[in-house]
N, C-alpha and C. Protein backbone atom coordinates (compact mmCIF):
# COMPACT_ATOMS: atom_id res chain seq x y z
N MET A 1 -35.26 -18.47 18.22
CA MET A 1 -35.04 -18.82 17.16
C MET A 1 -33.73 -17.65 16.77
N ALA A 2 -32.63 -18.35 16.90
CA ALA A 2 -31.28 -17.33 16.52
C ALA A 2 -31.58 -16.78 15.04
N THR A 3 -31.08 -15.59 14.86
CA THR A 3 -31.08 -15.04 13.64
C THR A 3 -29.72 -14.89 13.11
N GLU A 4 -29.57 -15.46 11.88
CA GLU A 4 -28.09 -15.40 11.17
C GLU A 4 -27.66 -14.33 10.63
N THR A 5 -26.69 -13.78 10.83
CA THR A 5 -26.19 -12.43 10.19
C THR A 5 -25.17 -12.70 9.22
N ARG A 6 -25.18 -12.02 8.31
CA ARG A 6 -24.17 -12.25 7.23
C ARG A 6 -23.24 -11.31 7.35
N PRO A 7 -22.01 -11.73 7.04
CA PRO A 7 -20.79 -10.60 7.36
C PRO A 7 -20.87 -9.47 6.50
N LEU A 8 -20.26 -8.39 6.94
CA LEU A 8 -20.46 -7.31 5.87
C LEU A 8 -19.60 -7.35 5.08
N THR A 9 -19.68 -6.73 3.76
CA THR A 9 -18.81 -6.91 2.72
C THR A 9 -18.25 -5.59 2.33
N ILE A 10 -17.03 -5.47 1.71
CA ILE A 10 -16.45 -4.20 1.24
C ILE A 10 -17.48 -3.62 0.30
N GLN A 11 -18.23 -4.37 -0.60
CA GLN A 11 -19.25 -3.68 -1.61
C GLN A 11 -20.30 -2.97 -0.69
N GLN A 12 -20.83 -3.67 0.25
CA GLN A 12 -21.90 -3.06 1.10
C GLN A 12 -21.35 -1.74 1.76
N ILE A 13 -20.29 -1.83 2.33
CA ILE A 13 -19.70 -0.39 2.71
C ILE A 13 -19.37 0.74 1.80
N ILE A 14 -19.00 0.20 0.75
CA ILE A 14 -18.98 1.40 -0.47
C ILE A 14 -20.33 1.79 -0.75
N ALA A 15 -21.17 1.02 -0.97
CA ALA A 15 -22.72 1.39 -1.44
C ALA A 15 -23.30 2.22 -0.20
N ARG A 16 -22.74 1.88 0.93
CA ARG A 16 -23.46 2.69 2.41
C ARG A 16 -22.87 3.95 2.36
N HIS A 17 -21.44 4.17 2.05
CA HIS A 17 -20.71 5.25 2.69
C HIS A 17 -20.33 6.24 1.18
N THR A 18 -20.64 5.80 0.21
CA THR A 18 -20.05 6.62 -1.13
C THR A 18 -21.03 8.09 -0.95
N PRO A 19 -22.19 8.02 -0.62
CA PRO A 19 -22.89 9.31 -0.59
C PRO A 19 -22.18 10.36 0.58
N THR A 20 -21.51 9.84 1.58
CA THR A 20 -20.87 10.46 2.59
C THR A 20 -19.46 11.05 1.84
N LEU A 21 -18.74 10.09 1.07
CA LEU A 21 -17.59 10.48 0.43
C LEU A 21 -17.83 11.47 -0.54
N SER A 22 -18.96 11.39 -1.38
CA SER A 22 -19.29 12.43 -2.30
C SER A 22 -19.55 13.73 -1.71
N ALA A 23 -20.10 13.79 -0.30
CA ALA A 23 -20.20 15.06 0.10
C ALA A 23 -19.19 15.62 0.58
N ALA A 24 -18.25 14.80 0.86
CA ALA A 24 -16.79 15.38 1.42
C ALA A 24 -15.99 15.86 0.21
N ALA A 25 -16.32 15.12 -0.77
CA ALA A 25 -15.76 15.58 -1.91
C ALA A 25 -16.38 16.59 -2.85
N TYR A 26 -17.30 17.11 -2.62
CA TYR A 26 -18.30 18.11 -3.18
C TYR A 26 -18.50 17.67 -4.53
N THR A 27 -18.82 16.46 -4.74
CA THR A 27 -19.18 15.89 -6.34
C THR A 27 -19.83 14.52 -6.07
N ASP A 28 -20.54 14.13 -7.11
CA ASP A 28 -21.25 12.80 -7.22
C ASP A 28 -20.14 11.74 -7.65
N LEU A 29 -19.63 11.06 -6.92
CA LEU A 29 -18.62 9.91 -7.35
C LEU A 29 -19.12 8.89 -7.82
N GLY A 30 -20.67 8.76 -7.90
CA GLY A 30 -21.15 7.46 -8.75
C GLY A 30 -20.62 6.28 -8.02
N PRO A 31 -20.90 5.30 -8.95
CA PRO A 31 -20.46 3.83 -8.36
C PRO A 31 -18.87 3.61 -8.39
N LEU A 32 -18.37 3.23 -7.34
CA LEU A 32 -16.78 2.87 -7.17
C LEU A 32 -16.50 1.49 -7.18
N THR A 33 -15.40 1.37 -7.45
CA THR A 33 -14.72 0.06 -7.43
C THR A 33 -14.23 0.27 -6.00
N VAL A 34 -13.54 -0.84 -5.55
CA VAL A 34 -12.96 -0.99 -4.36
C VAL A 34 -11.59 0.09 -4.35
N THR A 35 -10.88 -0.17 -5.10
CA THR A 35 -9.82 0.74 -5.30
C THR A 35 -10.19 2.07 -5.45
N ALA A 36 -11.00 2.43 -6.39
CA ALA A 36 -11.46 3.68 -6.32
C ALA A 36 -11.99 4.48 -4.93
N PHE A 37 -12.72 3.63 -4.44
CA PHE A 37 -13.38 3.91 -2.90
C PHE A 37 -12.22 4.21 -2.13
N THR A 38 -11.31 3.44 -1.93
CA THR A 38 -9.87 3.78 -1.17
C THR A 38 -9.20 4.82 -1.54
N GLN A 39 -9.03 5.03 -2.83
CA GLN A 39 -8.29 6.21 -3.49
C GLN A 39 -9.06 7.69 -2.97
N GLU A 40 -10.40 7.53 -3.10
CA GLU A 40 -11.14 8.74 -3.03
C GLU A 40 -11.16 9.14 -1.24
N LEU A 41 -11.34 8.04 -0.62
CA LEU A 41 -11.38 8.19 0.83
C LEU A 41 -9.78 8.50 1.27
N GLU A 42 -8.77 8.22 0.67
CA GLU A 42 -7.60 8.93 1.07
C GLU A 42 -7.47 10.35 0.57
N GLN A 43 -7.79 10.64 -0.54
CA GLN A 43 -7.96 11.88 -0.95
C GLN A 43 -8.71 12.77 -0.03
N ALA A 44 -9.91 12.29 0.09
CA ALA A 44 -10.84 13.03 1.35
C ALA A 44 -10.09 13.34 2.39
N ARG A 45 -9.48 12.10 3.19
CA ARG A 45 -8.95 12.22 4.40
C ARG A 45 -7.79 13.31 4.46
N ASP A 46 -7.01 13.32 3.20
CA ASP A 46 -5.96 14.24 3.16
C ASP A 46 -6.38 15.66 2.94
N ALA A 47 -7.46 15.94 2.22
CA ALA A 47 -7.89 17.23 2.04
C ALA A 47 -8.65 17.95 3.51
N LEU A 48 -9.27 17.03 4.02
CA LEU A 48 -10.04 17.21 5.30
C LEU A 48 -9.16 17.51 6.36
N SER A 49 -7.90 17.03 6.46
CA SER A 49 -7.01 17.10 7.53
C SER A 49 -6.33 18.40 7.63
N THR A 50 -6.57 19.14 6.62
CA THR A 50 -5.77 20.26 6.51
C THR A 50 -6.69 21.63 6.94
N ALA A 51 -8.27 21.10 7.02
CA ALA A 51 -9.24 21.99 7.44
C ALA A 51 -9.50 21.68 8.91
N GLY A 52 -8.95 22.30 9.98
CA GLY A 52 -8.97 21.99 11.27
C GLY A 52 -10.68 21.73 11.86
N VAL A 53 -11.52 22.28 11.09
CA VAL A 53 -13.02 22.17 11.58
C VAL A 53 -13.50 20.73 11.07
N PHE A 54 -12.61 20.10 10.18
CA PHE A 54 -13.16 18.75 9.48
C PHE A 54 -12.13 17.65 10.04
N ALA A 55 -11.32 17.89 11.23
CA ALA A 55 -10.49 16.96 11.95
C ALA A 55 -10.95 15.70 12.33
N ASP A 56 -12.20 15.77 12.76
CA ASP A 56 -12.87 14.58 13.35
C ASP A 56 -13.23 13.67 11.91
N ALA A 57 -13.53 14.24 10.97
CA ALA A 57 -13.93 13.62 9.79
C ALA A 57 -12.81 13.00 9.18
N ALA A 58 -11.64 13.64 9.11
CA ALA A 58 -10.43 13.24 8.70
C ALA A 58 -9.82 12.07 9.46
N ASP A 59 -9.97 12.10 10.76
CA ASP A 59 -9.52 10.82 11.64
C ASP A 59 -10.40 9.55 11.26
N ALA A 60 -11.77 9.86 11.20
CA ALA A 60 -12.63 8.61 11.00
C ALA A 60 -12.28 8.11 9.44
N PHE A 61 -11.94 9.05 8.46
CA PHE A 61 -11.49 8.50 7.28
C PHE A 61 -10.31 7.72 7.37
N ASP A 62 -9.37 8.17 8.16
CA ASP A 62 -8.33 7.59 8.14
C ASP A 62 -8.15 6.30 8.87
N ALA A 63 -8.96 6.19 9.89
CA ALA A 63 -9.28 4.85 10.68
C ALA A 63 -9.72 3.87 9.64
N ALA A 64 -10.78 4.35 8.97
CA ALA A 64 -11.74 3.50 8.17
C ALA A 64 -10.61 2.89 7.04
N LEU A 65 -9.93 3.82 6.51
CA LEU A 65 -8.98 3.38 5.51
C LEU A 65 -8.02 2.46 5.94
N THR A 66 -7.36 2.37 7.06
CA THR A 66 -6.60 1.73 7.69
C THR A 66 -7.42 0.03 7.60
N TYR A 67 -8.47 0.22 8.21
CA TYR A 67 -9.30 -1.06 8.53
C TYR A 67 -9.57 -1.63 6.96
N LEU A 68 -10.12 -0.77 6.14
CA LEU A 68 -10.14 -1.49 4.86
C LEU A 68 -9.02 -2.04 4.22
N THR A 69 -7.96 -1.28 4.18
CA THR A 69 -6.64 -1.70 3.54
C THR A 69 -6.31 -3.11 4.19
N ASP A 70 -6.35 -3.24 5.26
CA ASP A 70 -5.91 -4.48 6.19
C ASP A 70 -6.78 -5.55 5.69
N ALA A 71 -8.15 -5.36 5.78
CA ALA A 71 -9.27 -6.33 5.47
C ALA A 71 -8.86 -6.69 3.91
N GLN A 72 -8.63 -5.99 2.97
CA GLN A 72 -8.54 -6.37 1.65
C GLN A 72 -7.25 -7.57 1.53
N GLY A 73 -6.40 -7.51 2.36
CA GLY A 73 -5.36 -8.48 2.24
C GLY A 73 -5.82 -9.71 2.84
N LEU A 74 -7.06 -10.07 3.29
CA LEU A 74 -7.21 -11.17 4.10
C LEU A 74 -8.32 -12.08 3.39
N ASP A 75 -8.33 -13.32 3.44
CA ASP A 75 -9.22 -14.29 2.73
C ASP A 75 -10.52 -14.05 3.19
N ASP A 76 -11.51 -13.99 2.30
CA ASP A 76 -13.04 -13.83 2.90
C ASP A 76 -13.55 -14.87 4.11
N ASN A 77 -12.91 -15.99 4.18
CA ASN A 77 -13.12 -16.78 5.24
C ASN A 77 -12.37 -16.38 6.75
N ASP A 78 -11.63 -15.56 6.51
CA ASP A 78 -10.76 -15.20 7.72
C ASP A 78 -11.68 -14.31 8.65
N PRO A 79 -12.09 -14.77 9.95
CA PRO A 79 -12.92 -14.21 10.92
C PRO A 79 -12.34 -12.63 11.14
N ASP A 80 -11.06 -12.21 11.06
CA ASP A 80 -10.48 -10.96 11.29
C ASP A 80 -11.06 -9.99 10.07
N LYS A 81 -11.37 -10.53 9.05
CA LYS A 81 -11.70 -9.77 7.86
C LYS A 81 -13.15 -8.98 8.26
N ALA A 82 -13.96 -9.88 8.79
CA ALA A 82 -15.29 -9.54 9.16
C ALA A 82 -15.11 -8.40 10.35
N VAL A 83 -14.04 -8.53 11.41
CA VAL A 83 -13.99 -7.61 12.28
C VAL A 83 -13.58 -6.15 11.68
N LEU A 84 -12.48 -6.34 10.89
CA LEU A 84 -11.85 -5.02 10.21
C LEU A 84 -13.13 -4.23 9.44
N LEU A 85 -13.83 -4.94 8.83
CA LEU A 85 -14.93 -4.51 8.02
C LEU A 85 -16.04 -3.62 8.86
N ARG A 86 -16.16 -4.40 9.91
CA ARG A 86 -17.24 -3.77 10.88
C ARG A 86 -16.53 -2.46 11.41
N LYS A 87 -15.18 -2.45 11.79
CA LYS A 87 -14.59 -1.50 12.33
C LYS A 87 -14.52 -0.10 11.26
N ALA A 88 -14.17 -0.44 10.17
CA ALA A 88 -14.09 0.38 9.11
C ALA A 88 -15.66 1.18 8.86
N ASP A 89 -16.67 0.45 8.67
CA ASP A 89 -17.99 0.69 8.64
C ASP A 89 -18.48 1.79 9.62
N ARG A 90 -18.07 1.16 11.04
CA ARG A 90 -18.35 2.07 12.12
C ARG A 90 -17.78 3.35 12.09
N HIS A 91 -16.48 3.71 11.79
CA HIS A 91 -15.86 4.84 11.58
C HIS A 91 -16.35 5.64 10.50
N LEU A 92 -16.72 5.10 9.25
CA LEU A 92 -17.17 5.87 8.23
C LEU A 92 -18.71 6.45 8.66
N GLY A 93 -19.31 5.70 9.70
CA GLY A 93 -20.69 6.04 9.92
C GLY A 93 -20.63 7.32 11.04
N GLU A 94 -19.32 7.63 11.54
CA GLU A 94 -19.38 8.68 12.34
C GLU A 94 -19.42 9.90 11.70
N VAL A 95 -19.03 10.02 10.38
CA VAL A 95 -19.06 11.00 9.65
C VAL A 95 -20.43 11.46 9.03
N ASP A 96 -20.97 12.67 9.25
CA ASP A 96 -22.35 13.14 9.05
C ASP A 96 -22.17 13.90 7.45
N PRO A 97 -22.84 13.37 6.55
CA PRO A 97 -22.73 14.11 5.25
C PRO A 97 -22.90 15.32 5.25
N SER A 98 -24.03 15.81 6.04
CA SER A 98 -24.46 17.04 6.02
C SER A 98 -23.77 18.11 6.79
N ASP A 99 -22.43 17.66 7.36
CA ASP A 99 -21.38 18.51 7.67
C ASP A 99 -20.71 19.20 6.64
N PHE A 100 -20.75 18.89 5.30
CA PHE A 100 -20.00 19.45 4.49
C PHE A 100 -20.96 20.20 3.44
């Protein structure tokens, strides 16, 4: 019997990766809206890109930010949105919060 999988949502990505973003920001960010999450992600990317030791995390945040931004402009029924969200989730998952 086939298992139906539901598409990943931006809210799930936020819930899953806010702890990592909080670690990178060295503060508890608490619940975030989509806009606040992308803004924090951008700030973390910019801050980490200046520290060579965190270049991989900055690159992962940058890629995720691109995919999230592109996904936000698509209709929920657009199959490309699910692809972009999975890619964003994958890149965010590359960052280990214990590195900060």
